[in-house]
């Protein structure tokens, strides 16, 4: 994970709430990218943020 910016918390999420995360990718390359994410509970916005991430090669698996 690379980072977050422009985070806005709209309402509190409580234990037992079903949190739905919707992410729209804005840029994707072989090294990483970013997107805008919004979370909701029962259709009501709880948080919105811009997410940054880096991609790394899959580590080799040992038997």
PDB file of N, CA and C in Angstrom:
ATOM      1  N   UNK A   1       0.849  -1.175   0.000  1.00  0.00           N
ATOM      2  CA  UNK A   1       0.000   0.000   0.000  1.00  0.00           C
ATOM      3  C   UNK A   1       0.888   1.228   0.000  1.00  0.00           C
ATOM      4  N   UNK A   2       0.505   2.258  -0.719  1.00  0.00           N
ATOM      5  CA  UNK A   2       1.336   3.441  -0.856  1.00  0.00           C
ATOM      6  C   UNK A   2       0.924   4.621   0.003  1.00  0.00           C
ATOM      7  N   UNK A   3      -0.361   4.906   0.115  1.00  0.00           N
ATOM      8  CA  UNK A   3      -0.797   6.039   0.906  1.00  0.00           C
ATOM      9  C   UNK A   3      -2.222   6.452   0.590  1.00  0.00           C
ATOM     10  N   UNK A   4      -2.666   7.479   1.310  1.00  0.00           N
ATOM     11  CA  UNK A   4      -4.011   8.021   1.118  1.00  0.00           C
ATOM     12  C   UNK A   4      -3.938   9.543   1.144  1.00  0.00           C
ATOM     13  N   UNK A   5      -4.890  10.190   0.487  1.00  0.00           N
ATOM     14  CA  UNK A   5      -5.009  11.642   0.575  1.00  0.00           C
ATOM     15  C   UNK A   5      -6.471  12.017   0.382  1.00  0.00           C
ATOM     16  N   UNK A   6      -6.788  13.245   0.712  1.00  0.00           N
ATOM     17  CA  UNK A   6      -8.148  13.778   0.571  1.00  0.00           C
ATOM     18  C   UNK A   6      -9.170  12.892   1.278  1.00  0.00           C
ATOM     19  N   UNK A   7      -8.845  12.455   2.490  1.00  0.00           N
ATOM     20  CA  UNK A   7      -9.744  11.579   3.252  1.00  0.00           C
ATOM     21  C   UNK A   7     -10.831  12.418   3.916  1.00  0.00           C
ATOM     22  N   UNK A   8     -12.076  11.969   3.772  1.00  0.00           N
ATOM     23  CA  UNK A   8     -13.220  12.629   4.406  1.00  0.00           C
ATOM     24  C   UNK A   8     -14.071  11.567   5.097  1.00  0.00           C
ATOM     25  N   UNK A   9     -14.166  11.662   6.418  1.00  0.00           N
ATOM     26  CA  UNK A   9     -15.028  10.760   7.172  1.00  0.00           C
ATOM     27  C   UNK A   9     -16.395  11.414   7.309  1.00  0.00           C
ATOM     28  N   UNK A  10     -17.456  10.683   6.954  1.00  0.00           N
ATOM     29  CA  UNK A  10     -18.809  11.242   6.944  1.00  0.00           C
ATOM     30  C   UNK A  10     -19.655  10.807   8.132  1.00  0.00           C
ATOM     31  N   UNK A  11     -19.529   9.537   8.531  1.00  0.00           N
ATOM     32  CA  UNK A  11     -20.300   9.049   9.680  1.00  0.00           C
ATOM     33  C   UNK A  11     -19.576   7.873  10.295  1.00  0.00           C
ATOM     34  N   UNK A  12     -19.893   7.586  11.547  1.00  0.00           N
ATOM     35  CA  UNK A  12     -19.244   6.504  12.270  1.00  0.00           C
ATOM     36  C   UNK A  12     -19.782   5.145  11.818  1.00  0.00           C
ATOM     37  N   UNK A  13     -18.883   4.181  11.726  1.00  0.00           N
ATOM     38  CA  UNK A  13     -19.250   2.797  11.420  1.00  0.00           C
ATOM     39  C   UNK A  13     -19.177   2.017  12.726  1.00  0.00           C
ATOM     40  N   UNK A  14     -20.235   1.266  13.016  1.00  0.00           N
ATOM     41  CA  UNK A  14     -20.319   0.530  14.281  1.00  0.00           C
ATOM     42  C   UNK A  14     -20.125  -0.964  14.049  1.00  0.00           C
ATOM     43  N   UNK A  15     -19.693  -1.699  15.078  1.00  0.00           N
ATOM     44  CA  UNK A  15     -19.588  -3.155  14.938  1.00  0.00           C
ATOM     45  C   UNK A  15     -20.922  -3.741  14.488  1.00  0.00           C
ATOM     46  N   UNK A  16     -20.866  -4.632  13.508  1.00  0.00           N
ATOM     47  CA  UNK A  16     -22.071  -5.249  12.970  1.00  0.00           C
ATOM     48  C   UNK A  16     -22.567  -4.586  11.692  1.00  0.00           C
ATOM     49  N   UNK A  17     -22.123  -3.338  11.425  1.00  0.00           N
ATOM     50  CA  UNK A  17     -22.490  -2.674  10.170  1.00  0.00           C
ATOM     51  C   UNK A  17     -21.836  -3.402   9.000  1.00  0.00           C
ATOM     52  N   UNK A  18     -22.540  -3.460   7.873  1.00  0.00           N
ATOM     53  CA  UNK A  18     -21.962  -4.023   6.654  1.00  0.00           C
ATOM     54  C   UNK A  18     -21.371  -2.874   5.842  1.00  0.00           C
ATOM     55  N   UNK A  19     -20.053  -2.832   5.787  1.00  0.00           N
ATOM     56  CA  UNK A  19     -19.334  -1.765   5.101  1.00  0.00           C
ATOM     57  C   UNK A  19     -19.069  -2.180   3.658  1.00  0.00           C
ATOM     58  N   UNK A  20     -19.526  -1.362   2.711  1.00  0.00           N
ATOM     59  CA  UNK A  20     -19.325  -1.633   1.285  1.00  0.00           C
ATOM     60  C   UNK A  20     -18.292  -0.634   0.767  1.00  0.00           C
ATOM     61  N   UNK A  21     -17.235  -1.150   0.124  1.00  0.00           N
ATOM     62  CA  UNK A  21     -16.175  -0.300  -0.412  1.00  0.00           C
ATOM     63  C   UNK A  21     -16.220  -0.341  -1.932  1.00  0.00           C
ATOM     64  N   UNK A  22     -16.370   0.822  -2.551  1.00  0.00           N
ATOM     65  CA  UNK A  22     -16.417   0.946  -4.006  1.00  0.00           C
ATOM     66  C   UNK A  22     -15.196   1.748  -4.445  1.00  0.00           C
ATOM     67  N   UNK A  23     -14.362   1.155  -5.317  1.00  0.00           N
ATOM     68  CA  UNK A  23     -13.136   1.813  -5.766  1.00  0.00           C
ATOM     69  C   UNK A  23     -13.180   1.992  -7.278  1.00  0.00           C
ATOM     70  N   UNK A  24     -12.896   3.195  -7.730  1.00  0.00           N
ATOM     71  CA  UNK A  24     -12.777   3.492  -9.153  1.00  0.00           C
ATOM     72  C   UNK A  24     -11.309   3.771  -9.447  1.00  0.00           C
ATOM     73  N   UNK A  25     -10.711   2.939 -10.299  1.00  0.00           N
ATOM     74  CA  UNK A  25      -9.308   3.109 -10.648  1.00  0.00           C
ATOM     75  C   UNK A  25      -9.157   4.311 -11.576  1.00  0.00           C
ATOM     76  N   UNK A  26      -8.227   5.209 -11.248  1.00  0.00           N
ATOM     77  CA  UNK A  26      -7.956   6.374 -12.088  1.00  0.00           C
ATOM     78  C   UNK A  26      -6.697   6.182 -12.923  1.00  0.00           C
ATOM     79  N   UNK A  27      -5.712   5.480 -12.369  1.00  0.00           N
ATOM     80  CA  UNK A  27      -4.468   5.227 -13.097  1.00  0.00           C
ATOM     81  C   UNK A  27      -3.903   3.890 -12.647  1.00  0.00           C
ATOM     82  N   UNK A  28      -3.469   3.096 -13.632  1.00  0.00           N
ATOM     83  CA  UNK A  28      -2.869   1.796 -13.349  1.00  0.00           C
ATOM     84  C   UNK A  28      -1.709   1.594 -14.309  1.00  0.00           C
ATOM     85  N   UNK A  29      -0.549   1.246 -13.756  1.00  0.00           N
ATOM     86  CA  UNK A  29       0.626   0.954 -14.574  1.00  0.00           C
ATOM     87  C   UNK A  29       1.267  -0.318 -14.041  1.00  0.00           C
ATOM     88  N   UNK A  30       2.382  -0.710 -14.622  1.00  0.00           N
ATOM     89  CA  UNK A  30       3.063  -1.928 -14.163  1.00  0.00           C
ATOM     90  C   UNK A  30       3.701  -1.732 -12.796  1.00  0.00           C
ATOM     91  N   UNK A  31       3.872  -0.484 -12.354  1.00  0.00           N
ATOM     92  CA  UNK A  31       4.503  -0.213 -11.059  1.00  0.00           C
ATOM     93  C   UNK A  31       3.509   0.130  -9.957  1.00  0.00           C
ATOM     94  N   UNK A  32       2.290   0.506 -10.303  1.00  0.00           N
ATOM     95  CA  UNK A  32       1.304   0.867  -9.291  1.00  0.00           C
ATOM     96  C   UNK A  32       0.196   1.709  -9.880  1.00  0.00           C
ATOM     97  N   UNK A  33      -0.452   2.482  -9.013  1.00  0.00           N
ATOM     98  CA  UNK A  33      -1.533   3.321  -9.495  1.00  0.00           C
ATOM     99  C   UNK A  33      -2.265   3.995  -8.360  1.00  0.00           C
ATOM    100  N   UNK A  34      -3.434   4.570  -8.695  1.00  0.00           N
ATOM    101  CA  UNK A  34      -4.282   5.180  -7.684  1.00  0.00           C
ATOM    102  C   UNK A  34      -5.734   5.127  -8.123  1.00  0.00           C
ATOM    103  N   UNK A  35      -6.598   5.335  -7.137  1.00  0.00           N
ATOM    104  CA  UNK A  35      -8.024   5.326  -7.401  1.00  0.00           C
ATOM    105  C   UNK A  35      -8.765   6.070  -6.312  1.00  0.00           C
ATOM    106  N   UNK A  36     -10.040   6.308  -6.538  1.00  0.00           N
ATOM    107  CA  UNK A  36     -10.895   6.963  -5.552  1.00  0.00           C
ATOM    108  C   UNK A  36     -11.790   5.902  -4.929  1.00  0.00           C
ATOM    109  N   UNK A  37     -11.834   5.882  -3.607  1.00  0.00           N
ATOM    110  CA  UNK A  37     -12.640   4.895  -2.884  1.00  0.00           C
ATOM    111  C   UNK A  37     -13.708   5.600  -2.064  1.00  0.00           C
ATOM    112  N   UNK A  38     -14.887   4.986  -2.007  1.00  0.00           N
ATOM    113  CA  UNK A  38     -15.967   5.486  -1.164  1.00  0.00           C
ATOM    114  C   UNK A  38     -16.566   4.306  -0.432  1.00  0.00           C
ATOM    115  N   UNK A  39     -16.753   4.462   0.875  1.00  0.00           N
ATOM    116  CA  UNK A  39     -17.395   3.404   1.652  1.00  0.00           C
ATOM    117  C   UNK A  39     -18.785   3.863   2.063  1.00  0.00           C
ATOM    118  N   UNK A  40     -19.700   2.889   2.139  1.00  0.00           N
ATOM    119  CA  UNK A  40     -21.078   3.171   2.537  1.00  0.00           C
ATOM    120  C   UNK A  40     -21.579   2.104   3.498  1.00  0.00           C
ATOM    121  N   UNK A  41     -22.560   2.480   4.296  1.00  0.00           N
ATOM    122  CA  UNK A  41     -23.309   1.559   5.152  1.00  0.00           C
ATOM    123  C   UNK A  41     -24.778   1.846   4.890  1.00  0.00           C
ATOM    124  N   UNK A  42     -25.513   0.836   4.439  1.00  0.00           N
ATOM    125  CA  UNK A  42     -26.932   0.998   4.094  1.00  0.00           C
ATOM    126  C   UNK A  42     -27.150   2.145   3.107  1.00  0.00           C
ATOM    127  N   UNK A  43     -26.220   2.316   2.166  1.00  0.00           N
ATOM    128  CA  UNK A  43     -26.344   3.349   1.153  1.00  0.00           C
ATOM    129  C   UNK A  43     -25.894   4.731   1.577  1.00  0.00           C
ATOM    130  N   UNK A  44     -25.571   4.919   2.859  1.00  0.00           N
ATOM    131  CA  UNK A  44     -25.126   6.222   3.358  1.00  0.00           C
ATOM    132  C   UNK A  44     -23.599   6.287   3.344  1.00  0.00           C
ATOM    133  N   UNK A  45     -23.050   7.372   2.797  1.00  0.00           N
ATOM    134  CA  UNK A  45     -21.599   7.527   2.713  1.00  0.00           C
ATOM    135  C   UNK A  45     -20.978   7.589   4.103  1.00  0.00           C
ATOM    136  N   UNK A  46     -19.884   6.850   4.284  1.00  0.00           N
ATOM    137  CA  UNK A  46     -19.165   6.865   5.559  1.00  0.00           C
ATOM    138  C   UNK A  46     -17.767   7.445   5.414  1.00  0.00           C
ATOM    139  N   UNK A  47     -17.136   7.258   4.247  1.00  0.00           N
ATOM    140  CA  UNK A  47     -15.783   7.757   4.039  1.00  0.00           C
ATOM    141  C   UNK A  47     -15.488   7.835   2.548  1.00  0.00           C
ATOM    142  N   UNK A  48     -14.648   8.803   2.177  1.00  0.00           N
ATOM    143  CA  UNK A  48     -14.183   8.921   0.797  1.00  0.00           C
ATOM    144  C   UNK A  48     -12.702   9.271   0.852  1.00  0.00           C
ATOM    145  N   UNK A  49     -11.895   8.656  -0.034  1.00  0.00           N
ATOM    146  CA  UNK A  49     -10.454   8.905  -0.027  1.00  0.00           C
ATOM    147  C   UNK A  49      -9.847   8.550  -1.370  1.00  0.00           C
ATOM    148  N   UNK A  50      -8.678   9.081  -1.611  1.00  0.00           N
ATOM    149  CA  UNK A  50      -7.884   8.709  -2.782  1.00  0.00           C
ATOM    150  C   UNK A  50      -6.794   7.766  -2.288  1.00  0.00           C
ATOM    151  N   UNK A  51      -6.681   6.589  -2.908  1.00  0.00           N
ATOM    152  CA  UNK A  51      -5.746   5.553  -2.471  1.00  0.00           C
ATOM    153  C   UNK A  51      -4.620   5.392  -3.485  1.00  0.00           C
ATOM    154  N   UNK A  52      -3.388   5.278  -2.987  1.00  0.00           N
ATOM    155  CA  UNK A  52      -2.218   5.040  -3.817  1.00  0.00           C
ATOM    156  C   UNK A  52      -1.641   3.678  -3.461  1.00  0.00           C
ATOM    157  N   UNK A  53      -1.140   2.961  -4.465  1.00  0.00           N
ATOM    158  CA  UNK A  53      -0.560   1.647  -4.183  1.00  0.00           C
ATOM    159  C   UNK A  53       0.580   1.353  -5.144  1.00  0.00           C
ATOM    160  N   UNK A  54       1.456   0.450  -4.711  1.00  0.00           N
ATOM    161  CA  UNK A  54       2.569  -0.024  -5.533  1.00  0.00           C
ATOM    162  C   UNK A  54       2.380  -1.511  -5.785  1.00  0.00           C
ATOM    163  N   UNK A  55       2.786  -1.962  -6.955  1.00  0.00           N
ATOM    164  CA  UNK A  55       2.718  -3.381  -7.296  1.00  0.00           C
ATOM    165  C   UNK A  55       4.114  -3.985  -7.174  1.00  0.00           C
ATOM    166  N   UNK A  56       4.176  -5.186  -6.648  1.00  0.00           N
ATOM    167  CA  UNK A  56       5.451  -5.892  -6.491  1.00  0.00           C
ATOM    168  C   UNK A  56       5.298  -7.299  -7.037  1.00  0.00           C
ATOM    169  N   UNK A  57       6.399  -7.900  -7.497  1.00  0.00           N
ATOM    170  CA  UNK A  57       6.315  -9.274  -7.997  1.00  0.00           C
ATOM    171  C   UNK A  57       5.895 -10.229  -6.883  1.00  0.00           C
ATOM    172  N   UNK A  58       5.174 -11.264  -7.263  1.00  0.00           N
ATOM    173  CA  UNK A  58       4.751 -12.280  -6.316  1.00  0.00           C
ATOM    174  C   UNK A  58       5.975 -13.027  -5.818  1.00  0.00           C
ATOM    175  N   UNK A  59       6.111 -13.145  -4.501  1.00  0.00           N
ATOM    176  CA  UNK A  59       7.248 -13.875  -3.927  1.00  0.00           C
ATOM    177  C   UNK A  59       7.146 -15.345  -4.305  1.00  0.00           C
ATOM    178  N   UNK A  60       8.283 -15.950  -4.550  1.00  0.00           N
ATOM    179  CA  UNK A  60       8.258 -17.376  -4.909  1.00  0.00           C
ATOM    180  C   UNK A  60       7.790 -18.194  -3.718  1.00  0.00           C
ATOM    181  N   UNK A  61       7.020 -19.217  -3.997  1.00  0.00           N
ATOM    182  CA  UNK A  61       6.483 -20.079  -2.936  1.00  0.00           C
ATOM    183  C   UNK A  61       7.442 -21.218  -2.655  1.00  0.00           C
ATOM    184  N   UNK A  62       7.567 -21.530  -1.397  1.00  0.00           N
ATOM    185  CA  UNK A  62       8.413 -22.654  -0.996  1.00  0.00           C
ATOM    186  C   UNK A  62       7.533 -23.860  -0.723  1.00  0.00           C
ATOM    187  N   UNK A  63       7.993 -25.048  -1.134  1.00  0.00           N
ATOM    188  CA  UNK A  63       7.170 -26.264  -0.909  1.00  0.00           C
ATOM    189  C   UNK A  63       7.011 -26.622   0.546  1.00  0.00           C
TER     190      UNK A  63
END
